[in-house]
């Protein structure tokens, strides 16, 4: 069994890494402290000792430039070692898998395309192509969704509550970037929504009643007095609402309405305080309704977008066109689901050296 050790990058560790071939070390250190140097020295030590050939090793780093630099450093170190084993390794260094994690995943998939359910000559889109294709596919789906009953309702309700098409696209992109965590049953549970229409008549009546305080205002330029027109207009819209959608639209008229406006000196007695209190009660009821309805509508939107994202991912695989995230997801699925491929990979690659990768990504 291999051990995982967390150690600093110092000379003592370098000495230990040259001789201890059975222990896996995780070196946590900042830039410029020698992590890559240790990795190169360990590769050379293993090859010089005859414990591994270049074709049996994998070295993962973060960028294409870093991979090229790592390959050059390994070649230089092998040449400097000057042993028969390292000289032979230098001559066949092209057999080593010194790549980014995406390149390594792509190479694995191209080795076993049929097992991965891919055409042998599948392509990988660059970042610009990925962004352009996603936007084109999303817009096509968004327009077509208006014709389908389920997705159309989710989108229309989302637009009703203020989500713009660009915002919906950003939500779709976020799910697209992590679609490996999704499946057709993925859901976002929430408490039952409170409907707006049943409460509309009572709220309209309560808000109409607030007009009785207006004669107590002695200054027409008072902010509360001026904005009470919006409140009474909302009340009329609520009274006229004959559908859930119309009731929601009416409530949205006062979404974010401030209650701490107006000056007490402009109102007789405690009229302004009582007006604020009753108005705040109405607004609280509407905020509760809107909040639960927003959650329900957002959940419905997420499900519609989820279906689009998974369908698009399936289409890419069928077409043999991969994003960078596809490479990781498909490689993960291949190794997870195919014991035969997993066994072959274990026999082929005896050592994996990870110089750097995106450790904030669980998939990586």
Protein backbone atom coordinates (compact mmCIF):
# COMPACT_ATOMS: atom_id res chain seq x y z
CA UNK A 1 0.00 0.00 0.00
CA UNK A 2 1.29 3.42 -0.88
CA UNK A 3 1.36 6.18 1.69
CA UNK A 4 0.43 9.79 1.17
CA UNK A 5 2.72 12.23 2.91
CA UNK A 6 2.49 16.01 3.08
CA UNK A 7 5.99 17.42 3.10
CA UNK A 8 7.80 20.70 2.47
CA UNK A 9 9.91 21.12 -0.65
CA UNK A 10 13.43 21.10 0.84
CA UNK A 11 16.74 19.29 0.32
CA UNK A 12 15.94 16.60 2.89
CA UNK A 13 12.83 15.63 0.98
CA UNK A 14 14.79 15.60 -2.28
CA UNK A 15 17.23 13.11 -0.80
CA UNK A 16 14.40 10.92 0.44
CA UNK A 17 12.58 11.06 -2.91
CA UNK A 18 15.68 9.82 -4.72
CA UNK A 19 15.70 6.57 -2.71
CA UNK A 20 12.13 5.94 -1.49
CA UNK A 21 10.29 4.59 -4.52
CA UNK A 22 7.26 3.08 -2.81
CA UNK A 23 5.92 6.18 -1.04
CA UNK A 24 3.71 8.74 -2.72
CA UNK A 25 4.39 12.29 -1.56
CA UNK A 26 2.14 15.29 -1.83
CA UNK A 27 4.33 18.38 -1.87
CA UNK A 28 2.51 21.55 -0.87
CA UNK A 29 4.62 24.64 -1.50
CA UNK A 30 4.49 28.01 -3.18
CA UNK A 31 5.80 29.00 -6.59
CA UNK A 32 9.58 28.84 -7.04
CA UNK A 33 10.22 26.48 -4.10
CA UNK A 34 11.34 23.51 -6.16
CA UNK A 35 8.28 21.28 -6.64
CA UNK A 36 8.99 20.67 -10.33
CA UNK A 37 12.67 20.10 -9.60
CA UNK A 38 11.76 17.39 -7.09
CA UNK A 39 9.39 15.79 -9.58
CA UNK A 40 12.05 15.73 -12.32
CA UNK A 41 14.63 14.29 -9.93
CA UNK A 42 12.21 11.57 -8.85
CA UNK A 43 11.46 10.61 -12.47
CA UNK A 44 15.17 10.35 -13.25
CA UNK A 45 15.88 8.37 -10.08
CA UNK A 46 13.16 5.83 -10.89
CA UNK A 47 14.37 5.41 -14.47
CA UNK A 48 18.03 5.15 -13.43
CA UNK A 49 17.12 2.44 -10.91
CA UNK A 50 15.27 0.48 -13.58
CA UNK A 51 11.97 0.76 -11.72
CA UNK A 52 10.08 2.39 -14.57
CA UNK A 53 10.47 3.05 -18.30
CA UNK A 54 9.46 6.29 -19.97
CA UNK A 55 6.48 4.54 -21.58
CA UNK A 56 5.20 3.60 -18.13
CA UNK A 57 5.08 7.08 -16.68
CA UNK A 58 2.59 9.92 -16.80
CA UNK A 59 3.43 13.48 -15.78
CA UNK A 60 0.55 15.93 -15.51
CA UNK A 61 0.96 19.70 -15.45
CA UNK A 62 -1.39 22.64 -15.89
CA UNK A 63 -0.71 24.30 -19.25
CA UNK A 64 0.69 23.29 -22.64
CA UNK A 65 3.64 25.61 -22.07
CA UNK A 66 4.34 24.03 -18.67
CA UNK A 67 4.15 20.55 -20.22
CA UNK A 68 6.69 21.51 -22.89
CA UNK A 69 8.99 22.94 -20.23
CA UNK A 70 8.62 19.85 -18.05
CA UNK A 71 9.45 17.56 -20.97
CA UNK A 72 12.57 19.63 -21.73
CA UNK A 73 13.69 19.53 -18.11
CA UNK A 74 13.20 15.75 -17.91
CA UNK A 75 15.22 15.31 -21.13
CA UNK A 76 18.04 17.51 -19.79
CA UNK A 77 18.11 15.68 -16.46
CA UNK A 78 18.15 12.26 -18.14
CA UNK A 79 21.03 13.32 -20.37
CA UNK A 80 22.94 14.66 -17.37
CA UNK A 81 22.48 11.41 -15.41
CA UNK A 82 24.46 9.53 -18.05
CA UNK A 83 23.49 5.96 -17.12
CA UNK A 84 22.55 3.33 -19.69
CA UNK A 85 18.96 3.44 -18.48
CA UNK A 86 18.68 7.21 -18.69
CA UNK A 87 20.39 7.33 -22.09
CA UNK A 88 17.87 4.80 -23.43
CA UNK A 89 15.04 6.81 -21.85
CA UNK A 90 16.28 10.01 -23.51
CA UNK A 91 16.14 8.35 -26.91
CA UNK A 92 12.54 7.25 -26.39
CA UNK A 93 11.19 10.16 -24.37
CA UNK A 94 8.37 10.70 -26.89
CA UNK A 95 6.74 7.58 -25.39
CA UNK A 96 6.27 9.36 -22.06
CA UNK A 97 2.88 10.95 -21.39
CA UNK A 98 4.01 14.39 -20.24
CA UNK A 99 0.88 16.44 -20.83
CA UNK A 100 -1.85 18.61 -19.42
CA UNK A 101 -4.65 16.67 -17.78
CA UNK A 102 -6.90 17.42 -20.77
CA UNK A 103 -4.32 16.13 -23.25
CA UNK A 104 -3.82 12.98 -21.18
CA UNK A 105 -7.58 12.38 -21.00
CA UNK A 106 -7.83 12.92 -24.78
CA UNK A 107 -5.02 10.45 -25.43
CA UNK A 108 -6.73 7.86 -23.23
CA UNK A 109 -9.99 8.30 -25.13
CA UNK A 110 -8.26 8.02 -28.49
CA UNK A 111 -6.64 4.79 -27.33
CA UNK A 112 -10.03 3.29 -26.46
CA UNK A 113 -12.58 5.19 -28.58
CA UNK A 114 -15.01 2.31 -29.11
CA UNK A 115 -15.07 1.49 -25.40
CA UNK A 116 -15.76 5.17 -24.72
CA UNK A 117 -18.57 5.26 -27.31
CA UNK A 118 -16.70 7.72 -29.56
CA UNK A 119 -15.67 7.80 -33.21
CA UNK A 120 -11.89 7.17 -33.47
CA UNK A 121 -11.24 10.55 -35.07
CA UNK A 122 -13.18 12.74 -32.66
CA UNK A 123 -12.21 16.41 -32.49
CA UNK A 124 -11.63 18.78 -29.61
CA UNK A 125 -12.98 22.33 -29.87
CA UNK A 126 -10.73 25.18 -28.79
CA UNK A 127 -12.04 27.63 -26.22
CA UNK A 128 -13.34 30.14 -28.76
CA UNK A 129 -15.11 27.38 -30.72
CA UNK A 130 -16.62 26.02 -27.51
CA UNK A 131 -18.01 29.43 -26.53
CA UNK A 132 -19.41 30.18 -29.98
CA UNK A 133 -21.01 26.76 -30.39
CA UNK A 134 -22.57 26.86 -26.93
CA UNK A 135 -24.07 30.30 -27.56
CA UNK A 136 -25.43 29.19 -30.94
CA UNK A 137 -26.93 26.00 -29.48
CA UNK A 138 -28.42 27.81 -26.52
CA UNK A 139 -30.09 30.46 -28.65
CA UNK A 140 -31.49 27.80 -30.98
CA UNK A 141 -32.86 25.90 -27.99
CA UNK A 142 -34.21 29.06 -26.37
CA UNK A 143 -36.18 29.98 -29.47
CA UNK A 144 -37.46 26.44 -29.98
CA UNK A 145 -38.40 26.11 -26.32
CA UNK A 146 -41.17 28.67 -26.85
CA UNK A 147 -42.92 26.01 -28.93
CA UNK A 148 -42.70 23.25 -26.32
CA UNK A 149 -45.21 23.26 -23.49
CA UNK A 150 -42.98 22.49 -20.50
CA UNK A 151 -39.89 24.53 -21.35
CA UNK A 152 -42.01 27.39 -22.71
CA UNK A 153 -43.86 27.83 -19.43
CA UNK A 154 -40.64 27.73 -17.40
CA UNK A 155 -38.97 30.32 -19.62
CA UNK A 156 -41.97 32.62 -19.80
CA UNK A 157 -42.37 32.57 -16.03
CA UNK A 158 -38.66 33.27 -15.56
CA UNK A 159 -38.88 36.23 -17.92
CA UNK A 160 -41.99 37.39 -16.08
CA UNK A 161 -40.07 37.53 -12.81
CA UNK A 162 -37.25 39.55 -14.34
CA UNK A 163 -34.68 37.04 -15.58
CA UNK A 164 -33.30 38.24 -18.91
CA UNK A 165 -32.36 35.86 -21.75
CA UNK A 166 -28.69 36.68 -21.11
CA UNK A 167 -29.10 35.74 -17.46
CA UNK A 168 -30.79 32.47 -18.39
CA UNK A 169 -27.91 31.78 -20.76
CA UNK A 170 -25.41 32.33 -17.94
CA UNK A 171 -27.34 29.83 -15.81
CA UNK A 172 -27.25 27.33 -18.66
CA UNK A 173 -23.52 27.89 -19.08
CA UNK A 174 -22.91 27.25 -15.37
CA UNK A 175 -24.72 23.91 -15.58
CA UNK A 176 -22.94 23.14 -18.86
CA UNK A 177 -19.55 23.71 -17.19
CA UNK A 178 -20.39 21.10 -14.53
CA UNK A 179 -22.71 18.77 -16.39
CA UNK A 180 -20.79 15.75 -15.07
CA UNK A 181 -22.68 16.32 -11.80
CA UNK A 182 -26.07 16.20 -13.54
CA UNK A 183 -28.37 13.42 -14.57
CA UNK A 184 -31.91 13.35 -15.93
CA UNK A 185 -33.29 13.13 -12.40
CA UNK A 186 -31.35 16.08 -10.99
CA UNK A 187 -33.74 18.36 -9.10
CA UNK A 188 -33.68 21.28 -6.73
CA UNK A 189 -36.35 20.67 -4.07
CA UNK A 190 -38.20 23.59 -2.50
CA UNK A 191 -41.17 24.26 -0.28
CA UNK A 192 -44.56 24.48 -2.01
CA UNK A 193 -45.17 27.88 -3.57
CA UNK A 194 -47.84 30.22 -2.30
CA UNK A 195 -50.09 31.30 -5.17
CA UNK A 196 -50.64 34.98 -5.82
CA UNK A 197 -54.20 35.03 -7.21
CA UNK A 198 -56.07 33.91 -4.05
CA UNK A 199 -54.47 36.72 -2.04
CA UNK A 200 -54.94 39.43 -4.66
CA UNK A 201 -58.46 40.68 -3.69
CA UNK A 202 -57.64 40.96 0.02
CA UNK A 203 -54.34 42.70 -0.66
CA UNK A 204 -56.08 45.11 -3.05
CA UNK A 205 -58.62 45.99 -0.38
CA UNK A 206 -55.95 46.56 2.28
CA UNK A 207 -53.91 48.76 0.01
CA UNK A 208 -56.92 50.79 -1.14
CA UNK A 209 -57.60 51.46 2.53
CA UNK A 210 -54.25 53.21 2.87
CA UNK A 211 -55.68 56.16 0.91
CA UNK A 212 -57.43 57.29 4.10
CA UNK A 213 -54.11 58.55 5.44
CA UNK A 214 -53.39 60.85 2.50
CA UNK A 215 -55.46 63.80 3.74
CA UNK A 216 -53.20 63.87 6.81
CA UNK A 217 -50.20 64.86 4.69
CA UNK A 218 -49.57 68.61 4.72
CA UNK A 219 -46.81 68.64 2.10
CA UNK A 220 -47.51 67.35 -1.42
CA UNK A 221 -43.78 67.03 -2.14
CA UNK A 222 -43.42 64.46 0.65
CA UNK A 223 -41.85 61.28 -0.80
CA UNK A 224 -44.38 58.91 0.73
CA UNK A 225 -47.27 61.06 -0.47
CA UNK A 226 -45.82 61.16 -3.99
CA UNK A 227 -45.27 57.42 -4.19
CA UNK A 228 -48.62 56.40 -2.79
CA UNK A 229 -49.88 56.68 -6.38
CA UNK A 230 -47.81 53.57 -7.18
CA UNK A 231 -49.35 51.72 -4.25
CA UNK A 232 -52.91 52.56 -5.27
CA UNK A 233 -52.19 51.66 -8.90
CA UNK A 234 -50.89 48.27 -7.74
CA UNK A 235 -54.07 47.83 -5.69
CA UNK A 236 -56.22 48.40 -8.78
CA UNK A 237 -54.17 45.91 -10.81
CA UNK A 238 -54.53 43.33 -8.06
CA UNK A 239 -58.28 43.89 -7.91
CA UNK A 240 -58.55 43.34 -11.66
CA UNK A 241 -56.30 40.27 -11.78
CA UNK A 242 -58.12 37.20 -13.08
CA UNK A 243 -55.09 34.94 -13.53
CA UNK A 244 -52.00 33.93 -11.57
CA UNK A 245 -49.76 35.69 -14.07
CA UNK A 246 -51.61 39.00 -13.80
CA UNK A 247 -51.56 38.83 -10.01
CA UNK A 248 -47.78 38.24 -10.05
CA UNK A 249 -47.23 41.11 -12.48
CA UNK A 250 -49.23 43.41 -10.20
CA UNK A 251 -47.19 42.41 -7.14
CA UNK A 252 -43.96 42.99 -9.02
CA UNK A 253 -44.97 46.65 -9.39
CA UNK A 254 -44.04 47.17 -5.74
CA UNK A 255 -41.12 44.71 -5.59
CA UNK A 256 -38.41 46.55 -3.66
CA UNK A 257 -40.69 49.43 -2.71
CA UNK A 258 -39.14 51.40 0.21
CA UNK A 259 -41.31 51.99 3.27
CA UNK A 260 -38.95 54.27 5.24
CA UNK A 261 -39.71 57.34 3.16
CA UNK A 262 -41.61 60.50 4.01
CA UNK A 263 -41.03 62.98 6.83
CA UNK A 264 -42.98 62.80 10.06
CA UNK A 265 -43.14 66.60 10.17
CA UNK A 266 -45.20 66.55 6.95
CA UNK A 267 -47.94 64.36 8.46
CA UNK A 268 -50.49 65.00 11.15
CA UNK A 269 -50.29 62.92 14.31
CA UNK A 270 -48.88 59.42 13.83
CA UNK A 271 -50.44 58.92 10.39
CA UNK A 272 -47.12 58.32 8.67
CA UNK A 273 -46.10 55.66 11.23
CA UNK A 274 -49.42 53.83 10.84
CA UNK A 275 -49.29 54.12 7.06
CA UNK A 276 -45.80 52.66 7.00
CA UNK A 277 -46.81 49.80 9.29
CA UNK A 278 -49.86 48.76 7.27
CA UNK A 279 -48.06 49.19 3.96
CA UNK A 280 -45.13 47.12 5.22
CA UNK A 281 -47.56 44.35 6.18
CA UNK A 282 -48.93 44.28 2.62
CA UNK A 283 -45.44 44.32 1.15
CA UNK A 284 -44.31 41.49 3.44
CA UNK A 285 -47.19 39.31 2.24
CA UNK A 286 -46.32 40.06 -1.37
CA UNK A 287 -42.61 39.42 -0.76
CA UNK A 288 -43.42 36.01 0.71
CA UNK A 289 -45.59 35.09 -2.28
CA UNK A 290 -43.00 36.34 -4.77
CA UNK A 291 -40.17 34.55 -2.97
CA UNK A 292 -41.85 31.14 -3.02
CA UNK A 293 -43.03 31.62 -6.59
CA UNK A 294 -39.53 32.70 -7.67
CA UNK A 295 -38.06 29.55 -6.13
CA UNK A 296 -40.66 27.37 -7.84
CA UNK A 297 -40.20 29.10 -11.20
CA UNK A 298 -36.41 29.03 -10.91
CA UNK A 299 -36.51 25.30 -10.15
CA UNK A 300 -38.67 24.71 -13.22
CA UNK A 301 -36.24 26.77 -15.28
CA UNK A 302 -33.28 24.77 -13.95
CA UNK A 303 -34.95 21.52 -14.96
CA UNK A 304 -35.60 22.82 -18.48
CA UNK A 305 -32.01 24.06 -18.76
CA UNK A 306 -30.75 20.76 -17.30
CA UNK A 307 -32.50 18.87 -20.10
CA UNK A 308 -30.92 21.18 -22.69
CA UNK A 309 -27.43 20.77 -21.21
CA UNK A 310 -27.63 16.96 -21.06
CA UNK A 311 -29.10 16.75 -24.55
CA UNK A 312 -26.33 18.97 -25.91
CA UNK A 313 -23.67 16.87 -24.16
CA UNK A 314 -25.12 13.71 -25.69
CA UNK A 315 -25.16 15.31 -29.13
CA UNK A 316 -21.49 16.28 -28.85
CA UNK A 317 -20.51 12.74 -28.00
CA UNK A 318 -22.56 11.37 -30.87
CA UNK A 319 -20.97 13.86 -33.29
CA UNK A 320 -17.48 13.18 -31.94
CA UNK A 321 -16.86 16.79 -30.90
CA UNK A 322 -15.45 17.40 -27.43
CA UNK A 323 -15.06 20.35 -25.09
CA UNK A 324 -12.24 20.34 -22.55
CA UNK A 325 -14.73 19.33 -19.89
CA UNK A 326 -15.97 16.50 -22.10
CA UNK A 327 -12.46 15.06 -22.23
CA UNK A 328 -12.33 14.81 -18.45
CA UNK A 329 -15.89 13.55 -18.08
CA UNK A 330 -15.62 10.92 -20.80
CA UNK A 331 -12.23 9.72 -19.54
CA UNK A 332 -13.60 9.47 -16.00
CA UNK A 333 -16.61 7.51 -17.27
CA UNK A 334 -14.42 5.21 -19.36
CA UNK A 335 -12.17 4.26 -16.44
CA UNK A 336 -15.10 3.98 -14.05
CA UNK A 337 -17.35 1.89 -16.27
CA UNK A 338 -14.90 -0.37 -18.11
CA UNK A 339 -12.94 -2.75 -15.84
CA UNK A 340 -11.00 -4.03 -18.86
CA UNK A 341 -9.82 -0.56 -19.89
CA UNK A 342 -9.03 0.27 -16.27
CA UNK A 343 -6.86 -2.87 -16.00
CA UNK A 344 -5.04 -2.07 -19.25
CA UNK A 345 -4.37 1.48 -18.10
CA UNK A 346 -3.02 0.23 -14.76
CA UNK A 347 -0.69 -2.16 -16.55
CA UNK A 348 0.51 0.46 -19.01
CA UNK A 349 1.20 3.34 -16.63
CA UNK A 350 3.14 2.39 -13.52
CA UNK A 351 3.75 5.87 -12.10
CA UNK A 352 1.78 9.10 -12.26
CA UNK A 353 3.55 12.36 -11.44
CA UNK A 354 1.37 15.41 -10.94
CA UNK A 355 3.26 18.66 -11.14
CA UNK A 356 0.23 20.92 -11.10
CA UNK A 357 -3.47 20.75 -11.87
CA UNK A 358 -6.68 22.60 -11.02
CA UNK A 359 -7.24 21.20 -7.55
CA UNK A 360 -10.41 23.24 -7.09
CA UNK A 361 -12.10 21.04 -9.70
CA UNK A 362 -13.40 17.80 -8.13
CA UNK A 363 -13.51 16.11 -11.53
CA UNK A 364 -9.82 16.74 -12.12
